[in-house]
Protein backbone atom coordinates (compact mmCIF):
# COMPACT_ATOMS: atom_id res chain seq x y z
CA UNK A 1 0.70 12.77 86.18
CA UNK A 2 -2.28 11.88 84.10
CA UNK A 3 -2.92 9.84 80.99
CA UNK A 4 -3.63 12.81 78.74
CA UNK A 5 -1.41 13.06 75.63
CA UNK A 6 1.24 15.75 75.65
CA UNK A 7 2.65 17.43 72.55
CA UNK A 8 6.39 18.01 72.63
CA UNK A 9 8.24 20.21 70.17
CA UNK A 10 11.99 19.61 69.93
CA UNK A 11 14.07 22.01 67.86
CA UNK A 12 17.40 20.58 66.68
CA UNK A 13 20.32 22.29 65.05
CA UNK A 14 21.77 20.30 62.14
CA UNK A 15 25.48 19.61 62.47
CA UNK A 16 27.82 17.93 59.99
CA UNK A 17 29.15 14.48 60.77
CA UNK A 18 32.79 14.03 61.71
CA UNK A 19 33.62 11.21 59.31
CA UNK A 20 32.13 8.46 61.49
CA UNK A 21 28.46 9.06 60.70
CA UNK A 22 26.70 10.03 63.90
CA UNK A 23 29.21 8.37 66.24
CA UNK A 24 32.36 10.09 67.48
CA UNK A 25 34.79 7.63 69.11
CA UNK A 26 36.37 8.85 72.33
CA UNK A 27 40.01 8.08 72.99
CA UNK A 28 41.16 7.91 69.38
CA UNK A 29 44.90 7.57 68.85
CA UNK A 30 47.16 7.92 65.83
CA UNK A 31 49.18 4.98 64.54
CA UNK A 32 51.87 5.61 61.94
CA UNK A 33 52.02 2.56 59.67
CA UNK A 34 54.87 1.81 57.29
CA UNK A 35 54.21 -0.73 54.51
CA UNK A 36 57.30 -2.28 52.91
CA UNK A 37 58.00 -4.85 50.20
CA UNK A 38 59.67 -8.12 51.15
CA UNK A 39 63.05 -6.52 50.38
CA UNK A 40 62.38 -3.36 52.42
CA UNK A 41 61.22 -0.86 49.79
CA UNK A 42 58.17 1.35 50.44
CA UNK A 43 54.82 0.26 49.01
CA UNK A 44 53.23 3.43 47.61
CA UNK A 45 49.49 3.55 46.91
CA UNK A 46 48.51 0.48 48.95
CA UNK A 47 44.93 0.39 50.24
CA UNK A 48 44.74 0.05 54.03
CA UNK A 49 41.63 -0.90 56.01
CA UNK A 50 41.89 -0.23 59.74
CA UNK A 51 39.24 -1.72 62.05
CA UNK A 52 38.63 -3.46 65.35
CA UNK A 53 38.52 -7.25 65.61
CA UNK A 54 34.69 -7.28 65.45
CA UNK A 55 34.59 -5.12 62.29
CA UNK A 56 32.46 -2.47 64.01
CA UNK A 57 31.33 -0.15 61.22
CA UNK A 58 32.03 3.17 62.95
CA UNK A 59 35.54 2.02 63.93
CA UNK A 60 36.52 1.21 60.32
CA UNK A 61 38.48 3.50 58.06
CA UNK A 62 40.10 3.24 54.63
CA UNK A 63 43.47 4.84 53.94
CA UNK A 64 46.13 4.87 51.19
CA UNK A 65 49.88 4.83 51.68
CA UNK A 66 51.91 7.77 50.38
CA UNK A 67 55.05 7.63 48.19
CA UNK A 68 57.13 6.56 51.19
CA UNK A 69 54.74 3.66 51.96
CA UNK A 70 53.49 5.47 55.08
CA UNK A 71 50.03 6.27 56.36
CA UNK A 72 48.68 7.70 59.61
CA UNK A 73 45.64 5.88 60.97
CA UNK A 74 43.21 7.46 63.43
CA UNK A 75 41.65 4.72 65.53
CA UNK A 76 39.91 3.93 68.79
CA UNK A 77 40.08 0.19 68.09
CA UNK A 78 41.81 -2.13 70.54
CA UNK A 79 43.22 -4.35 69.22
CA UNK A 80 43.79 -2.66 65.88
CA UNK A 81 43.32 -4.92 62.85
CA UNK A 82 44.93 -3.72 59.62
CA UNK A 83 44.28 -5.15 56.15
CA UNK A 84 46.72 -4.04 53.43
CA UNK A 85 45.95 -4.60 49.75
CA UNK A 86 48.64 -4.04 47.16
CA UNK A 87 48.23 -5.44 43.67
CA UNK A 88 47.01 -9.02 44.09
CA UNK A 89 48.41 -9.35 47.63
CA UNK A 90 46.37 -9.01 50.82
CA UNK A 91 47.97 -9.03 54.27
CA UNK A 92 46.15 -8.87 57.62
CA UNK A 93 47.82 -8.00 60.94
CA UNK A 94 46.48 -7.51 64.43
CA UNK A 95 48.30 -5.02 66.65
CA UNK A 96 47.68 -5.38 70.37
CA UNK A 97 50.35 -3.00 71.63
CA UNK A 98 49.81 0.70 72.26
CA UNK A 99 52.72 1.54 69.93
CA UNK A 100 52.24 4.59 67.75
CA UNK A 101 54.53 3.17 65.02
CA UNK A 102 53.96 -0.16 63.25
CA UNK A 103 55.43 -1.80 60.15
CA UNK A 104 53.97 -4.38 57.79
CA UNK A 105 56.26 -6.17 55.38
CA UNK A 106 54.45 -7.61 52.38
CA UNK A 107 55.34 -11.13 51.24
CA UNK A 108 57.32 -11.62 48.05
CA UNK A 109 55.05 -11.61 44.99
């Protein structure tokens, strides 16, 4: 080795991102979330933020519940923190289990 400068040429192929910017989480799982009113009816169109407890940017994702109040979340976060916004109501839950089905019941408005 010597101290002479060396010129390197690196050719890169551009690839699209996969929805997480340049980071692809390994070990992602799917969690089916059901959002219900206080009397058990589905909450359609609720905004759902899924993230880890440290709010790591590439582990966050926004979702919206369908007509049956359901949404499928893809996450690698453990524990999974879910924030549900419906109307003027905001509910936060932390899920520590490995369950693939979770339910959040909104408080009475």
